[in-house]
Amino acid sequence: MWSFVERAYPLCRSLTGAGVRQTLALLGERIPLQVHEVPSGTRILDWTVPKEWNVKEARIRGPRGETIADFAEHNLHLLGYSAPVRTTLELDELLPHLHSLPERPDWIPYRTSYYEETWGFCLPHRRVESLEPGRYDVVVDATLEDGALTYGECFLAATTPGPFRGEVLLSAHICHPSLANDNLSGLAVCMALAETLARRPERRYGYRFVFAPGTVGAIAWLARNPDARARIAAGLVAANLGDPGRFHYKRSRRGTAEIDRAAAVVLRDRGADHAIEDFVPFGYDERQYGSPGVDLPVGALTRTPWGRYPEYHTSADDLSLISPQRLVESLEVYLAVVEVLEGNRAYLNLSPVGEPQLGRRGLYGSLGGASGGRADELALLWVLNQSDGRNTLLDTAERSGVAFAALRRAADRLFDAGLLRET
């Protein structure tokens, strides 16, 4: 994951353009990826695919020829989707085109102007305050022309025989430039999750990974997949997975979907501080997947949510903000959610009147009266008690407070002993 992040960090991603394709190419080195191109001007639901934006050079030089801002130094210096311009301006004419953060005077802000054609530069506020009167040379050598919106998909089909259980959607936005947490961490965790699931011999679900520009990319995917509502059984939007904050889960629009319950049980079972929040139609692309016309069961699993850490959408969201260890922890949480989805089954107790004798089946301790080491036995008893053919293991985990993994192990042992039948 860290190798991918280091290679992708310098690339200038946006809604469209070469940076998106280059990032998808890096992902494609690791996972099977199908790249889709949607031409500019294509109608996608209530939106239209914008023109493609690419940058060759962008910089400002001051009255003495000094460099004030340079896209080559940091791609956040250029306002996203800036139109081409070559001009010389007095300082008072230039200032309206400069963006800075007075409250964070040493950081470069990330700003865009996707749907209103203009140009601008982003600078540390200290640099803006130091500018002297005079004439400034401005160059934005960029193109805004017909091209395409690009997104990638990786699909891993279910391998376990049986009735169609649907697909799990994992979605990460790919439209931000050099921002490590609010872009690359989500891409890296999804990439590693796909690598891991591809090696899994049994998959009861299909897994569809979508790497698309925020908002318009998700809308393009929905427009091109009208059967999504029938296919998608669960989903997560991945972002902000490398920072030091606690985990947050934002419920899907449905609020009580299996993915909402699975994520809550996984975070509970970790035993670490976390937060569960209700759906609001704002944030990342969970709001697109949760629009009322599709109402997909897709939540958002992050560390610190968007806008709640000071480095958000600034140059301080760099490689120092995230770490390999935290990416691994995030991957482990995502894998735990997958384990709940894959392992959530309903069983019928085949000896339902009174408890079956577990000791003679090697499932229960032989020394009566001892109080230690009973956690596994409690899991066995909970599974037996709740296996009426209707309750699932997730139902039992919620009611009992017993970790889902312990209930899954108990169910396997009881099944092998001939005491359960899957329904």
Protein backbone atom coordinates (compact mmCIF):
# COMPACT_ATOMS: atom_id res chain seq x y z
CA MET A 1 0.00 0.00 0.00
CA TRP A 2 2.75 2.43 0.94
CA SER A 3 4.62 1.85 -2.31
CA PHE A 4 1.47 2.72 -4.27
CA VAL A 5 0.89 5.87 -2.17
CA GLU A 6 4.45 7.11 -2.69
CA ARG A 7 4.25 6.63 -6.46
CA ALA A 8 0.78 8.15 -6.82
CA TYR A 9 1.22 11.15 -4.51
CA PRO A 10 2.91 13.50 -7.04
CA LEU A 11 0.30 12.92 -9.76
CA CYS A 12 -2.19 15.68 -10.55
CA ARG A 13 -5.58 14.00 -10.38
CA SER A 14 -8.81 15.84 -11.14
CA LEU A 15 -12.26 15.05 -12.51
CA THR A 16 -10.61 14.09 -15.79
CA GLY A 17 -7.23 13.96 -17.41
CA ALA A 18 -3.86 12.27 -17.50
CA GLY A 19 -3.40 12.12 -13.73
CA VAL A 20 -6.49 9.94 -13.33
CA ARG A 21 -5.31 7.59 -16.07
CA GLN A 22 -1.81 7.39 -14.59
CA THR A 23 -3.23 6.54 -11.16
CA LEU A 24 -5.47 3.85 -12.64
CA ALA A 25 -2.42 2.45 -14.43
CA LEU A 26 -0.66 2.10 -11.06
CA LEU A 27 -3.68 0.29 -9.64
CA GLY A 28 -3.79 -1.89 -12.74
CA GLU A 29 -0.28 -3.14 -11.98
CA ARG A 30 -1.66 -4.78 -8.85
CA ILE A 31 -5.27 -5.75 -9.54
CA PRO A 32 -7.30 -6.67 -12.66
CA LEU A 33 -8.77 -3.36 -13.74
CA GLN A 34 -11.17 -2.42 -16.53
CA VAL A 35 -10.87 1.23 -17.50
CA HIS A 36 -13.95 3.06 -18.81
CA GLU A 37 -13.96 6.29 -20.80
CA VAL A 38 -17.14 8.39 -20.94
CA PRO A 39 -16.83 11.10 -23.65
CA SER A 40 -17.18 14.78 -22.80
CA GLY A 41 -20.71 16.02 -23.43
CA THR A 42 -22.31 12.66 -22.58
CA ARG A 43 -25.53 13.05 -20.66
CA ILE A 44 -25.37 11.08 -17.40
CA LEU A 45 -28.66 11.34 -15.52
CA ASP A 46 -29.05 15.07 -14.71
CA TRP A 47 -25.37 15.82 -15.39
CA THR A 48 -23.12 16.19 -18.43
CA VAL A 49 -19.56 14.87 -18.61
CA PRO A 50 -17.30 17.96 -18.54
CA LYS A 51 -14.42 18.80 -20.81
CA GLU A 52 -11.11 17.11 -20.08
CA TRP A 53 -8.47 19.16 -18.22
CA ASN A 54 -4.72 18.71 -18.55
CA VAL A 55 -1.86 20.95 -17.43
CA LYS A 56 1.60 21.41 -18.95
CA GLU A 57 2.83 24.38 -16.95
CA ALA A 58 1.46 26.97 -14.52
CA ARG A 59 3.36 29.63 -12.59
CA ILE A 60 3.46 33.22 -11.39
CA ARG A 61 6.60 35.35 -11.50
CA GLY A 62 6.98 38.54 -9.53
CA PRO A 63 8.27 42.01 -10.44
CA ARG A 64 11.92 40.92 -10.01
CA GLY A 65 11.45 37.65 -11.87
CA GLU A 66 11.11 35.62 -8.68
CA THR A 67 8.78 32.59 -8.66
CA ILE A 68 5.65 33.19 -6.58
CA ALA A 69 3.86 29.92 -7.31
CA ASP A 70 4.75 26.99 -9.54
CA PHE A 71 2.62 23.98 -10.47
CA ALA A 72 5.84 21.99 -10.90
CA GLU A 73 6.71 22.61 -7.23
CA HIS A 74 3.31 21.47 -5.90
CA ASN A 75 0.23 20.76 -7.96
CA LEU A 76 -2.04 22.29 -5.30
CA HIS A 77 -0.62 25.69 -6.32
CA LEU A 78 -2.96 25.70 -9.32
CA LEU A 79 -6.70 26.12 -8.88
CA GLY A 80 -8.21 22.89 -10.14
CA TYR A 81 -9.65 23.15 -13.66
CA SER A 82 -8.02 26.54 -14.27
CA ALA A 83 -8.57 27.80 -17.80
CA PRO A 84 -5.50 28.66 -19.91
CA VAL A 85 -4.17 32.18 -19.55
CA ARG A 86 -1.06 34.23 -20.34
CA THR A 87 -1.13 37.73 -18.95
CA THR A 88 0.67 40.37 -16.92
CA LEU A 89 -1.23 41.96 -14.04
CA GLU A 90 -0.74 44.56 -11.37
CA LEU A 91 -0.86 43.19 -7.82
CA ASP A 92 -4.36 44.51 -7.15
CA GLU A 93 -5.56 42.75 -10.32
CA LEU A 94 -3.83 39.51 -9.35
CA LEU A 95 -5.04 39.26 -5.74
CA PRO A 96 -8.65 38.21 -6.59
CA HIS A 97 -7.16 35.15 -8.32
CA LEU A 98 -5.13 34.08 -5.27
CA HIS A 99 -6.46 31.74 -2.58
CA SER A 100 -4.92 31.22 0.85
CA LEU A 101 -5.76 30.24 4.44
CA PRO A 102 -5.17 33.05 6.94
CA GLU A 103 -5.79 30.61 9.81
CA ARG A 104 -3.12 28.22 8.43
CA PRO A 105 -0.61 30.67 6.95
CA ASP A 106 2.04 28.08 5.96
CA TRP A 107 -0.25 25.65 4.13
CA ILE A 108 -1.42 25.64 0.51
CA PRO A 109 -5.21 25.19 0.23
CA TYR A 110 -6.82 22.84 -2.28
CA ARG A 111 -9.42 24.69 -4.34
CA THR A 112 -11.25 23.88 -7.59
CA SER A 113 -13.54 25.54 -10.10
CA TYR A 114 -14.98 22.62 -12.04
CA TYR A 115 -18.11 24.15 -13.50
CA GLU A 116 -17.26 27.87 -13.80
CA GLU A 117 -14.45 28.67 -16.21
CA THR A 118 -11.83 30.79 -14.46
CA TRP A 119 -8.23 30.54 -13.30
CA GLY A 120 -6.41 30.95 -10.04
CA PHE A 121 -3.51 29.97 -7.81
CA CYS A 122 -3.31 28.76 -4.21
CA LEU A 123 -0.51 29.98 -1.96
CA PRO A 124 0.52 29.97 1.69
CA HIS A 125 -0.99 33.07 3.27
CA ARG A 126 2.42 34.31 4.43
CA ARG A 127 3.53 34.43 0.81
CA VAL A 128 0.43 36.36 -0.24
CA GLU A 129 1.01 38.89 2.54
CA SER A 130 4.62 39.38 1.41
CA LEU A 131 3.74 40.31 -2.19
CA GLU A 132 4.87 43.79 -3.22
CA PRO A 133 3.24 46.17 -5.69
CA GLY A 134 4.34 45.65 -9.26
CA ARG A 135 3.61 43.67 -12.37
CA TYR A 136 3.22 39.87 -12.18
CA ASP A 137 3.65 37.49 -15.09
CA VAL A 138 1.03 34.71 -15.09
CA VAL A 139 1.08 31.56 -17.23
CA VAL A 140 -1.44 28.70 -17.14
CA ASP A 141 -0.54 26.40 -20.02
CA ALA A 142 -3.52 24.04 -19.78
CA THR A 143 -6.16 22.57 -22.04
CA LEU A 144 -9.91 22.37 -21.51
CA GLU A 145 -11.21 20.42 -24.47
CA ASP A 146 -13.35 17.48 -25.45
CA GLY A 147 -11.97 14.25 -24.04
CA ALA A 148 -13.41 11.83 -21.52
CA LEU A 149 -14.15 11.11 -17.91
CA THR A 150 -12.17 8.04 -16.86
CA TYR A 151 -12.94 5.54 -14.12
CA GLY A 152 -11.80 2.03 -13.28
CA GLU A 153 -13.55 -1.14 -12.12
CA CYS A 154 -12.18 -4.33 -10.62
CA PHE A 155 -14.68 -7.17 -10.35
CA LEU A 156 -14.12 -10.42 -8.46
CA ALA A 157 -16.91 -12.89 -9.10
CA ALA A 158 -18.39 -15.14 -6.44
CA THR A 159 -16.80 -18.58 -6.42
CA THR A 160 -19.06 -20.50 -4.04
CA PRO A 161 -21.86 -22.48 -5.75
CA GLY A 162 -25.38 -21.62 -4.74
CA PRO A 163 -28.03 -18.96 -5.25
CA PHE A 164 -26.96 -15.48 -6.31
CA ARG A 165 -26.21 -13.43 -3.19
CA GLY A 166 -25.37 -10.20 -5.01
CA GLU A 167 -22.34 -7.93 -5.10
CA VAL A 168 -20.48 -5.88 -2.52
CA LEU A 169 -19.55 -2.43 -3.85
CA LEU A 170 -16.31 -0.79 -2.69
CA SER A 171 -15.97 2.77 -3.96
CA ALA A 172 -13.08 5.24 -3.69
CA HIS A 173 -12.79 8.67 -5.32
CA ILE A 174 -9.80 9.28 -7.57
CA CYS A 175 -10.16 13.00 -8.35
CA HIS A 176 -7.89 14.73 -5.84
CA PRO A 177 -4.30 15.78 -6.58
CA SER A 178 -1.50 15.49 -3.99
CA LEU A 179 -3.63 14.69 -0.94
CA ALA A 180 -2.50 11.57 0.90
CA ASN A 181 -5.34 10.87 3.32
CA ASP A 182 -8.28 12.33 1.43
CA ASN A 183 -7.60 10.36 -1.72
CA LEU A 184 -4.73 7.92 -1.75
CA SER A 185 -5.49 6.13 1.53
CA GLY A 186 -8.89 4.99 0.26
CA LEU A 187 -7.45 3.90 -3.08
CA ALA A 188 -4.62 1.99 -1.37
CA VAL A 189 -6.87 0.13 1.07
CA CYS A 190 -9.31 -0.85 -1.69
CA MET A 191 -6.42 -2.02 -3.86
CA ALA A 192 -5.03 -4.19 -1.05
CA LEU A 193 -8.50 -5.50 -0.22
CA ALA A 194 -9.00 -6.54 -3.84
CA GLU A 195 -5.60 -8.25 -3.86
CA THR A 196 -6.51 -10.14 -0.69
CA LEU A 197 -9.98 -11.19 -1.83
CA ALA A 198 -8.61 -12.33 -5.21
CA ARG A 199 -6.54 -14.92 -3.32
CA ARG A 200 -9.53 -16.10 -1.28
CA PRO A 201 -10.60 -19.57 -2.49
CA GLU A 202 -14.28 -19.07 -1.58
CA ARG A 203 -16.35 -15.95 -2.10
CA ARG A 204 -20.10 -16.08 -1.50
CA TYR A 205 -20.46 -12.55 -2.91
CA GLY A 206 -19.08 -10.82 -5.96
CA TYR A 207 -16.90 -7.80 -5.14
CA ARG A 208 -16.95 -4.73 -7.35
CA PHE A 209 -14.34 -2.02 -6.78
CA VAL A 210 -15.05 1.36 -8.40
CA PHE A 211 -12.32 4.01 -8.64
CA ALA A 212 -14.06 7.10 -9.99
CA PRO A 213 -13.98 10.90 -9.73
CA GLY A 214 -16.15 12.15 -6.89
CA THR A 215 -19.82 12.93 -7.56
CA VAL A 216 -19.78 13.00 -11.37
CA GLY A 217 -17.86 9.71 -11.54
CA ALA A 218 -20.27 7.92 -9.21
CA ILE A 219 -23.18 9.40 -11.17
CA ALA A 220 -21.63 8.14 -14.41
CA TRP A 221 -21.31 4.67 -12.88
CA LEU A 222 -24.96 4.72 -11.76
CA ALA A 223 -26.09 5.91 -15.20
CA ARG A 224 -24.21 3.06 -16.87
CA ASN A 225 -25.39 0.43 -14.37
CA PRO A 226 -29.19 0.72 -14.21
CA ASP A 227 -29.42 -2.77 -12.67
CA ALA A 228 -27.29 -1.75 -9.68
CA ARG A 229 -30.24 -1.78 -7.30
CA ALA A 230 -30.87 -5.45 -8.00
CA ARG A 231 -27.19 -6.43 -7.82
CA ILE A 232 -25.65 -4.49 -4.95
CA ALA A 233 -26.29 -6.22 -1.62
CA ALA A 234 -23.90 -4.09 0.45
CA GLY A 235 -21.26 -1.46 -0.04
CA LEU A 236 -18.72 0.89 1.52
CA VAL A 237 -17.22 4.19 0.43
CA ALA A 238 -13.53 4.26 1.38
CA ALA A 239 -11.66 7.46 2.26
CA ASN A 240 -9.50 9.00 4.98
CA LEU A 241 -8.04 5.67 6.10
CA GLY A 242 -4.45 6.63 6.91
CA ASP A 243 -4.73 9.37 9.55
CA PRO A 244 -4.39 8.74 13.32
CA GLY A 245 -8.07 9.35 14.14
CA ARG A 246 -10.55 6.79 15.45
CA PHE A 247 -12.78 4.88 13.03
CA HIS A 248 -16.11 6.36 11.99
CA TYR A 249 -18.93 4.56 10.25
CA LYS A 250 -21.68 6.54 8.52
CA ARG A 251 -24.79 4.45 7.99
CA SER A 252 -26.40 3.96 4.61
CA ARG A 253 -29.62 5.78 3.77
CA ARG A 254 -31.52 2.68 4.89
CA GLY A 255 -29.90 2.83 8.30
CA THR A 256 -30.50 -0.82 9.23
CA ALA A 257 -29.08 -2.59 6.19
CA GLU A 258 -26.87 -5.62 6.73
CA ILE A 259 -23.77 -3.52 5.96
CA ASP A 260 -24.77 -1.01 8.66
CA ARG A 261 -25.12 -3.75 11.24
CA ALA A 262 -21.98 -5.58 10.10
CA ALA A 263 -19.79 -2.46 10.32
CA ALA A 264 -21.18 -1.63 13.77
CA VAL A 265 -20.48 -5.14 15.10
CA VAL A 266 -16.93 -5.12 13.67
CA LEU A 267 -16.11 -1.79 15.31
CA ARG A 268 -17.67 -2.95 18.58
CA ASP A 269 -15.69 -6.19 18.54
CA ARG A 270 -12.39 -4.32 18.06
CA GLY A 271 -12.84 -2.86 21.54
CA ALA A 272 -11.37 0.50 20.50
CA ASP A 273 -12.99 3.93 20.54
CA HIS A 274 -15.10 4.57 17.45
CA ALA A 275 -18.20 6.43 16.30
CA ILE A 276 -21.36 5.40 14.44
CA GLU A 277 -23.23 8.20 12.69
CA ASP A 278 -26.54 8.41 10.86
CA PHE A 279 -26.80 9.06 7.14
CA VAL A 280 -26.87 12.64 5.90
CA PRO A 281 -27.04 13.51 2.17
CA PHE A 282 -23.65 15.21 2.23
CA GLY A 283 -20.08 13.96 2.23
CA TYR A 284 -18.58 11.47 -0.20
CA ASP A 285 -20.28 9.32 -2.83
CA GLU A 286 -22.44 7.41 -0.35
CA ARG A 287 -24.92 10.22 -1.03
CA GLN A 288 -24.99 9.30 -4.73
CA TYR A 289 -25.40 5.58 -4.05
CA GLY A 290 -28.02 6.48 -1.44
CA SER A 291 -30.08 8.75 -3.68
CA PRO A 292 -33.77 7.79 -3.47
CA GLY A 293 -33.98 6.42 -7.00
CA VAL A 294 -31.53 3.62 -6.18
CA ASP A 295 -31.21 3.60 -2.36
CA LEU A 296 -28.25 1.23 -2.39
CA PRO A 297 -27.15 -0.14 1.02
CA VAL A 298 -23.82 1.71 0.94
CA GLY A 299 -22.25 3.28 4.02
CA ALA A 300 -18.96 5.13 4.52
CA LEU A 301 -16.16 3.66 6.63
CA THR A 302 -13.38 6.14 7.40
CA ARG A 303 -11.06 7.20 10.13
CA THR A 304 -11.55 10.94 10.63
CA PRO A 305 -14.43 12.04 8.37
CA TRP A 306 -14.02 14.72 5.72
CA GLY A 307 -13.49 18.25 6.97
CA ARG A 308 -12.84 17.24 10.60
CA TYR A 309 -9.05 17.24 10.63
CA PRO A 310 -7.10 20.47 10.18
CA GLU A 311 -4.99 19.18 7.29
CA TYR A 312 -8.08 18.39 5.18
CA HIS A 313 -7.85 19.84 1.65
CA THR A 314 -4.46 21.45 2.26
CA SER A 315 -0.83 20.70 1.45
CA ALA A 316 -0.47 19.38 5.02
CA ASP A 317 -2.44 16.30 3.93
CA ASP A 318 0.84 14.81 2.79
CA LEU A 319 2.73 11.57 3.39
CA SER A 320 3.61 12.62 6.95
CA LEU A 321 -0.07 12.58 7.93
CA ILE A 322 -0.58 8.90 7.13
CA SER A 323 1.39 5.77 7.96
CA PRO A 324 1.71 2.18 6.74
CA GLN A 325 0.58 0.91 10.16
CA ARG A 326 -2.69 2.84 10.02
CA LEU A 327 -3.33 1.70 6.44
CA VAL A 328 -2.88 -1.89 7.63
CA GLU A 329 -5.29 -1.33 10.53
CA SER A 330 -7.86 0.07 8.10
CA LEU A 331 -7.41 -2.90 5.78
CA GLU A 332 -7.95 -5.24 8.73
CA VAL A 333 -11.22 -3.50 9.60
CA TYR A 334 -12.43 -3.75 6.01
CA LEU A 335 -11.49 -7.44 5.92
CA ALA A 336 -13.39 -7.97 9.18
CA VAL A 337 -16.51 -6.44 7.62
CA VAL A 338 -16.10 -8.79 4.64
CA GLU A 339 -15.81 -11.74 7.05
CA VAL A 340 -19.13 -10.79 8.64
CA LEU A 341 -20.85 -10.50 5.26
CA GLU A 342 -19.36 -13.77 4.05
CA GLY A 343 -20.02 -15.59 7.30
CA ASN A 344 -23.49 -14.28 8.16
CA ARG A 345 -25.74 -17.32 7.85
CA ALA A 346 -28.86 -18.71 9.48
CA TYR A 347 -28.96 -22.19 10.98
CA LEU A 348 -31.49 -24.64 12.32
CA ASN A 349 -30.71 -26.41 15.59
CA LEU A 350 -31.23 -30.12 14.93
CA SER A 351 -31.55 -30.93 18.65
CA PRO A 352 -33.71 -28.01 19.75
CA VAL A 353 -35.51 -29.39 22.83
CA GLY A 354 -33.12 -28.88 25.73
CA GLU A 355 -29.42 -28.43 25.22
CA PRO A 356 -27.69 -31.24 23.34
CA GLN A 357 -24.88 -32.92 25.24
CA LEU A 358 -21.81 -31.08 24.00
CA GLY A 359 -19.26 -32.83 26.20
CA ARG A 360 -19.52 -36.21 24.50
CA ARG A 361 -19.01 -34.43 21.18
CA GLY A 362 -15.81 -32.80 22.42
CA LEU A 363 -17.35 -29.34 22.41
CA TYR A 364 -17.61 -28.66 26.14
CA GLY A 365 -15.14 -28.74 29.02
CA SER A 366 -15.11 -31.94 31.05
CA LEU A 367 -14.56 -30.28 34.44
CA GLY A 368 -17.83 -28.93 35.85
CA GLY A 369 -17.97 -25.88 38.09
CA ALA A 370 -14.91 -24.09 36.66
CA SER A 371 -15.52 -20.44 35.80
CA GLY A 372 -12.55 -19.70 33.56
CA GLY A 373 -12.24 -20.26 29.83
CA ARG A 374 -15.97 -20.30 29.14
CA ALA A 375 -16.11 -17.69 26.36
CA ASP A 376 -16.05 -20.31 23.59
CA GLU A 377 -18.67 -22.40 25.36
CA LEU A 378 -20.91 -19.36 25.74
CA ALA A 379 -20.63 -18.77 21.99
CA LEU A 380 -21.70 -22.38 21.38
CA LEU A 381 -24.74 -21.98 23.61
CA TRP A 382 -25.77 -18.69 22.03
CA VAL A 383 -25.60 -20.18 18.53
CA LEU A 384 -27.60 -23.22 19.57
CA ASN A 385 -30.22 -21.10 21.33
CA GLN A 386 -30.71 -18.67 18.45
CA SER A 387 -30.57 -21.18 15.59
CA ASP A 388 -34.27 -21.36 14.84
CA GLY A 389 -33.86 -21.11 11.07
CA ARG A 390 -34.57 -17.39 11.03
CA ASN A 391 -31.95 -15.66 13.19
CA THR A 392 -28.59 -15.10 11.56
CA LEU A 393 -25.21 -15.04 13.25
CA LEU A 394 -25.27 -11.25 12.93
CA ASP A 395 -28.59 -11.19 14.78
CA THR A 396 -27.00 -13.30 17.49
CA ALA A 397 -23.89 -11.10 17.69
CA GLU A 398 -26.06 -8.02 18.20
CA ARG A 399 -28.24 -9.64 20.86
CA SER A 400 -25.52 -11.46 22.78
CA GLY A 401 -22.61 -9.04 22.61
CA VAL A 402 -20.40 -12.00 21.71
CA ALA A 403 -17.83 -11.28 19.00
CA PHE A 404 -19.00 -12.31 15.54
CA ALA A 405 -15.78 -14.24 14.89
CA ALA A 406 -16.39 -16.34 18.02
CA LEU A 407 -19.95 -17.11 16.91
CA ARG A 408 -18.71 -18.02 13.44
CA ARG A 409 -16.20 -20.49 14.92
CA ALA A 410 -18.87 -21.93 17.20
CA ALA A 411 -21.29 -22.42 14.30
CA ASP A 412 -18.63 -24.24 12.29
CA ARG A 413 -17.93 -26.59 15.19
CA LEU A 414 -21.62 -27.28 15.78
CA PHE A 415 -22.19 -27.84 12.06
CA ASP A 416 -19.30 -30.30 11.91
CA ALA A 417 -20.76 -32.10 14.92
CA GLY A 418 -24.08 -32.57 13.10
CA LEU A 419 -26.02 -30.26 15.41
CA LEU A 420 -26.82 -27.52 12.87
CA ARG A 421 -28.17 -27.29 9.36
CA GLU A 422 -27.77 -24.13 7.30
CA THR A 423 -31.07 -22.61 6.12
